[in-house]
Amino acid sequence: MGGVGAGPAGDPVGFSLTLRRRPLRLEALNRLRSIQVGQAEAVQSYAKGRGCRRRALLAYFGEEDQSASCGKCDRCRRGSGNYRLRGVWPLAGLFGKATND
């Protein structure tokens, strides 16, 4: 790949670097971009939404909660705890895209 030589006083005497070009994988880049957009939308939905925060977090991580609301978060105490999972964004199955009703 590359290397640095050293002279008698320890000073560098040369450097070479060899780079290998790899094919650009647009499909993988587009998929990653889609996942990142989904994550940003999920965070925005959590921050601006009106639904139960517990259900929002469970939906983000792919869990489903059958109860209407937790009754403990700020939104449920205000009476706006309805939340549902709208679709799943694949990232090792760890999160879902959620939305408020």
N, C-alpha and C. Protein backbone atom coordinates (compact mmCIF):
# COMPACT_ATOMS: atom_id res chain seq x y z
N MET A 1 0.84 -1.19 0.00
CA MET A 1 0.00 0.00 0.00
C MET A 1 0.88 1.25 0.00
N GLY A 2 1.48 1.55 1.09
CA GLY A 2 2.30 2.73 1.17
C GLY A 2 3.34 2.54 2.25
N GLY A 3 4.33 3.41 2.28
CA GLY A 3 5.33 3.27 3.31
C GLY A 3 6.17 4.52 3.44
N VAL A 4 6.81 4.64 4.58
CA VAL A 4 7.70 5.76 4.84
C VAL A 4 9.06 5.18 5.19
N GLY A 5 10.08 5.69 4.57
CA GLY A 5 11.43 5.26 4.92
C GLY A 5 12.04 6.27 5.88
N ALA A 6 13.04 5.87 6.63
CA ALA A 6 13.69 6.77 7.58
C ALA A 6 15.18 6.80 7.30
N GLY A 7 15.74 8.02 7.33
CA GLY A 7 17.17 8.19 7.14
C GLY A 7 17.92 7.93 8.44
N PRO A 8 19.24 8.13 8.43
CA PRO A 8 20.05 7.85 9.62
C PRO A 8 19.62 8.67 10.83
N ALA A 9 19.12 9.88 10.62
CA ALA A 9 18.70 10.73 11.74
C ALA A 9 17.23 10.50 12.08
N GLY A 10 16.59 9.55 11.44
CA GLY A 10 15.18 9.29 11.70
C GLY A 10 14.25 10.16 10.88
N ASP A 11 14.83 10.98 9.97
CA ASP A 11 14.00 11.85 9.13
C ASP A 11 13.37 11.03 8.02
N PRO A 12 12.13 11.37 7.64
CA PRO A 12 11.49 10.65 6.52
C PRO A 12 12.25 10.91 5.23
N VAL A 13 12.43 9.88 4.44
CA VAL A 13 13.12 10.03 3.16
C VAL A 13 12.23 9.77 1.97
N GLY A 14 11.02 9.24 2.19
CA GLY A 14 10.15 9.00 1.06
C GLY A 14 8.81 8.44 1.50
N PHE A 15 7.85 8.58 0.63
CA PHE A 15 6.52 8.08 0.93
C PHE A 15 5.86 7.69 -0.38
N SER A 16 5.20 6.56 -0.37
CA SER A 16 4.43 6.18 -1.54
C SER A 16 3.09 5.64 -1.08
N LEU A 17 2.08 5.87 -1.87
CA LEU A 17 0.72 5.43 -1.53
C LEU A 17 0.07 4.88 -2.79
N THR A 18 -0.49 3.71 -2.66
CA THR A 18 -1.20 3.09 -3.77
C THR A 18 -2.67 2.96 -3.39
N LEU A 19 -3.53 3.54 -4.19
CA LEU A 19 -4.97 3.48 -3.94
C LEU A 19 -5.62 2.53 -4.93
N ARG A 20 -6.56 1.75 -4.43
CA ARG A 20 -7.33 0.87 -5.31
C ARG A 20 -8.71 1.45 -5.49
N ARG A 21 -9.11 1.57 -6.70
CA ARG A 21 -10.46 2.08 -6.98
C ARG A 21 -11.45 0.94 -6.84
N ARG A 22 -12.55 1.25 -6.19
CA ARG A 22 -13.62 0.26 -6.04
C ARG A 22 -14.85 0.80 -6.74
N PRO A 23 -15.65 -0.08 -7.29
CA PRO A 23 -16.85 0.40 -7.99
C PRO A 23 -17.82 1.06 -7.01
N LEU A 24 -18.40 2.14 -7.45
CA LEU A 24 -19.38 2.86 -6.66
C LEU A 24 -20.69 2.07 -6.66
N ARG A 25 -21.23 1.80 -5.50
CA ARG A 25 -22.43 0.99 -5.38
C ARG A 25 -23.61 1.92 -5.09
N LEU A 26 -24.20 2.45 -6.16
CA LEU A 26 -25.30 3.40 -6.02
C LEU A 26 -26.51 2.80 -5.32
N GLU A 27 -26.79 1.54 -5.58
CA GLU A 27 -27.94 0.91 -4.94
C GLU A 27 -27.78 0.90 -3.42
N ALA A 28 -26.59 0.56 -2.95
CA ALA A 28 -26.33 0.54 -1.51
C ALA A 28 -26.40 1.95 -0.93
N LEU A 29 -25.85 2.92 -1.65
CA LEU A 29 -25.90 4.30 -1.18
C LEU A 29 -27.33 4.82 -1.13
N ASN A 30 -28.14 4.50 -2.13
CA ASN A 30 -29.54 4.93 -2.13
C ASN A 30 -30.32 4.28 -1.00
N ARG A 31 -30.03 3.02 -0.72
CA ARG A 31 -30.71 2.33 0.38
C ARG A 31 -30.34 2.96 1.72
N LEU A 32 -29.06 3.25 1.89
CA LEU A 32 -28.61 3.90 3.12
C LEU A 32 -29.26 5.27 3.28
N ARG A 33 -29.35 6.01 2.20
CA ARG A 33 -29.99 7.34 2.24
C ARG A 33 -31.46 7.19 2.64
N SER A 34 -32.14 6.22 2.08
CA SER A 34 -33.53 5.98 2.41
C SER A 34 -33.70 5.65 3.90
N ILE A 35 -32.79 4.85 4.43
CA ILE A 35 -32.84 4.51 5.85
C ILE A 35 -32.61 5.75 6.70
N GLN A 36 -31.66 6.58 6.31
CA GLN A 36 -31.37 7.79 7.07
C GLN A 36 -32.56 8.75 7.05
N VAL A 37 -33.23 8.87 5.92
CA VAL A 37 -34.42 9.71 5.83
C VAL A 37 -35.51 9.15 6.75
N GLY A 38 -35.69 7.84 6.74
CA GLY A 38 -36.67 7.20 7.61
C GLY A 38 -36.38 7.46 9.08
N GLN A 39 -35.11 7.40 9.46
CA GLN A 39 -34.74 7.67 10.84
C GLN A 39 -35.04 9.12 11.21
N ALA A 40 -34.71 10.04 10.32
CA ALA A 40 -34.97 11.45 10.59
C ALA A 40 -36.47 11.71 10.72
N GLU A 41 -37.27 11.08 9.87
CA GLU A 41 -38.72 11.24 9.95
C GLU A 41 -39.26 10.67 11.26
N ALA A 42 -38.71 9.55 11.71
CA ALA A 42 -39.15 8.94 12.97
C ALA A 42 -38.83 9.85 14.15
N VAL A 43 -37.66 10.46 14.15
CA VAL A 43 -37.29 11.39 15.22
C VAL A 43 -38.19 12.61 15.19
N GLN A 44 -38.46 13.13 14.00
CA GLN A 44 -39.34 14.29 13.87
C GLN A 44 -40.74 13.95 14.34
N SER A 45 -41.23 12.78 14.00
CA SER A 45 -42.55 12.35 14.42
C SER A 45 -42.61 12.23 15.94
N TYR A 46 -41.56 11.71 16.54
CA TYR A 46 -41.51 11.58 17.99
C TYR A 46 -41.54 12.96 18.65
N ALA A 47 -40.76 13.88 18.10
CA ALA A 47 -40.65 15.22 18.70
C ALA A 47 -41.90 16.06 18.50
N LYS A 48 -42.51 15.99 17.33
CA LYS A 48 -43.63 16.86 17.01
C LYS A 48 -44.99 16.20 17.14
N GLY A 49 -45.01 14.89 17.29
CA GLY A 49 -46.27 14.16 17.28
C GLY A 49 -47.13 14.41 18.50
N ARG A 50 -48.31 13.81 18.47
CA ARG A 50 -49.25 13.96 19.57
C ARG A 50 -49.50 12.64 20.28
N GLY A 51 -48.95 11.55 19.80
CA GLY A 51 -49.24 10.23 20.36
C GLY A 51 -48.38 9.88 21.56
N CYS A 52 -48.69 8.77 22.16
CA CYS A 52 -48.00 8.23 23.33
C CYS A 52 -46.51 8.05 23.02
N ARG A 53 -45.67 8.62 23.85
CA ARG A 53 -44.23 8.51 23.62
C ARG A 53 -43.73 7.08 23.79
N ARG A 54 -44.28 6.34 24.73
CA ARG A 54 -43.89 4.94 24.93
C ARG A 54 -44.20 4.12 23.69
N ARG A 55 -45.39 4.29 23.15
CA ARG A 55 -45.77 3.55 21.94
C ARG A 55 -44.91 3.96 20.76
N ALA A 56 -44.54 5.25 20.70
CA ALA A 56 -43.67 5.73 19.62
C ALA A 56 -42.31 5.04 19.68
N LEU A 57 -41.74 4.94 20.88
CA LEU A 57 -40.44 4.28 21.02
C LEU A 57 -40.54 2.79 20.72
N LEU A 58 -41.59 2.15 21.19
CA LEU A 58 -41.77 0.73 20.89
C LEU A 58 -41.90 0.51 19.38
N ALA A 59 -42.67 1.37 18.71
CA ALA A 59 -42.84 1.24 17.26
C ALA A 59 -41.51 1.45 16.54
N TYR A 60 -40.72 2.40 17.00
CA TYR A 60 -39.42 2.68 16.38
C TYR A 60 -38.53 1.43 16.41
N PHE A 61 -38.59 0.68 17.51
CA PHE A 61 -37.77 -0.52 17.64
C PHE A 61 -38.48 -1.79 17.21
N GLY A 62 -39.61 -1.64 16.52
CA GLY A 62 -40.29 -2.78 15.94
C GLY A 62 -41.19 -3.56 16.88
N GLU A 63 -41.46 -3.01 18.03
CA GLU A 63 -42.35 -3.67 18.99
C GLU A 63 -43.76 -3.12 18.83
N GLU A 64 -44.72 -3.94 19.17
CA GLU A 64 -46.11 -3.52 19.07
C GLU A 64 -46.74 -3.54 20.45
N ASP A 65 -47.45 -2.47 20.79
CA ASP A 65 -48.12 -2.37 22.09
C ASP A 65 -49.61 -2.39 21.84
N GLN A 66 -50.31 -3.30 22.47
CA GLN A 66 -51.75 -3.44 22.25
C GLN A 66 -52.57 -2.43 23.06
N SER A 67 -51.98 -1.84 24.09
CA SER A 67 -52.73 -0.89 24.90
C SER A 67 -52.91 0.42 24.14
N ALA A 68 -53.95 1.14 24.48
CA ALA A 68 -54.23 2.41 23.80
C ALA A 68 -53.17 3.45 24.11
N SER A 69 -52.71 3.51 25.36
CA SER A 69 -51.68 4.46 25.75
C SER A 69 -51.09 4.05 27.09
N CYS A 70 -49.95 4.63 27.43
CA CYS A 70 -49.28 4.26 28.68
C CYS A 70 -49.89 4.97 29.89
N GLY A 71 -50.47 6.15 29.66
CA GLY A 71 -51.06 6.92 30.75
C GLY A 71 -50.05 7.64 31.61
N LYS A 72 -48.76 7.55 31.26
CA LYS A 72 -47.72 8.13 32.11
C LYS A 72 -46.91 9.24 31.44
N CYS A 73 -46.82 9.21 30.13
CA CYS A 73 -46.02 10.24 29.45
C CYS A 73 -46.80 11.56 29.38
N ASP A 74 -46.10 12.62 29.02
CA ASP A 74 -46.74 13.94 28.95
C ASP A 74 -47.91 13.97 27.97
N ARG A 75 -47.80 13.24 26.89
CA ARG A 75 -48.88 13.25 25.90
C ARG A 75 -50.10 12.50 26.39
N CYS A 76 -49.88 11.36 27.04
CA CYS A 76 -51.02 10.59 27.56
C CYS A 76 -51.72 11.36 28.67
N ARG A 77 -50.97 12.05 29.49
CA ARG A 77 -51.58 12.83 30.56
C ARG A 77 -52.41 13.98 30.00
N ARG A 78 -52.04 14.46 28.80
CA ARG A 78 -52.83 15.50 28.13
C ARG A 78 -54.02 14.91 27.39
N GLY A 79 -54.04 13.59 27.25
CA GLY A 79 -55.16 12.94 26.57
C GLY A 79 -55.00 12.78 25.07
N SER A 80 -53.76 12.76 24.58
CA SER A 80 -53.55 12.60 23.13
C SER A 80 -52.60 11.44 22.86
N GLY A 81 -52.84 10.29 23.48
CA GLY A 81 -51.91 9.18 23.40
C GLY A 81 -52.15 8.16 22.32
N ASN A 82 -52.93 8.43 21.29
CA ASN A 82 -53.14 7.45 20.22
C ASN A 82 -51.94 7.45 19.28
N TYR A 83 -51.39 6.27 19.03
CA TYR A 83 -50.19 6.14 18.21
C TYR A 83 -50.24 4.83 17.46
N ARG A 84 -49.81 4.82 16.21
CA ARG A 84 -49.81 3.56 15.47
C ARG A 84 -48.57 3.48 14.59
N LEU A 85 -48.15 2.27 14.29
CA LEU A 85 -47.02 2.02 13.41
C LEU A 85 -47.49 2.07 11.97
N ARG A 86 -46.83 2.89 11.13
CA ARG A 86 -47.26 3.04 9.74
C ARG A 86 -46.52 2.12 8.78
N GLY A 87 -45.30 1.80 9.05
CA GLY A 87 -44.53 0.96 8.15
C GLY A 87 -43.18 0.67 8.75
N VAL A 88 -42.45 -0.23 8.19
CA VAL A 88 -41.17 -0.61 8.76
C VAL A 88 -40.05 -0.22 7.80
N TRP A 89 -39.04 0.43 8.31
CA TRP A 89 -37.85 0.77 7.55
C TRP A 89 -36.76 -0.22 7.94
N PRO A 90 -36.20 -0.94 6.98
CA PRO A 90 -35.26 -2.01 7.34
C PRO A 90 -33.88 -1.50 7.74
N LEU A 91 -33.50 -1.72 8.95
CA LEU A 91 -32.13 -1.53 9.40
C LEU A 91 -31.90 -2.61 10.44
N ALA A 92 -31.61 -3.80 9.97
CA ALA A 92 -31.44 -4.98 10.82
C ALA A 92 -32.67 -5.21 11.68
N GLY A 93 -33.82 -4.75 11.22
CA GLY A 93 -35.06 -4.98 11.95
C GLY A 93 -35.14 -4.25 13.27
N LEU A 94 -34.36 -3.20 13.44
CA LEU A 94 -34.30 -2.55 14.75
C LEU A 94 -35.23 -1.37 14.91
N PHE A 95 -35.78 -0.84 13.84
CA PHE A 95 -36.67 0.29 14.04
C PHE A 95 -37.76 0.30 13.00
N GLY A 96 -38.81 1.03 13.28
CA GLY A 96 -39.93 1.18 12.37
C GLY A 96 -40.23 2.64 12.16
N LYS A 97 -40.89 2.95 11.11
CA LYS A 97 -41.32 4.31 10.86
C LYS A 97 -42.71 4.45 11.45
N ALA A 98 -42.86 5.36 12.35
CA ALA A 98 -44.12 5.48 13.07
C ALA A 98 -44.76 6.83 12.78
N THR A 99 -46.04 6.91 12.97
CA THR A 99 -46.75 8.16 12.76
C THR A 99 -47.89 8.29 13.75
N ASN A 100 -48.31 9.51 13.96
CA ASN A 100 -49.44 9.76 14.85
C ASN A 100 -50.74 9.70 14.07
N ASP A 101 -51.80 9.28 14.72
CA ASP A 101 -53.13 9.32 14.09
C ASP A 101 -53.70 10.71 14.23
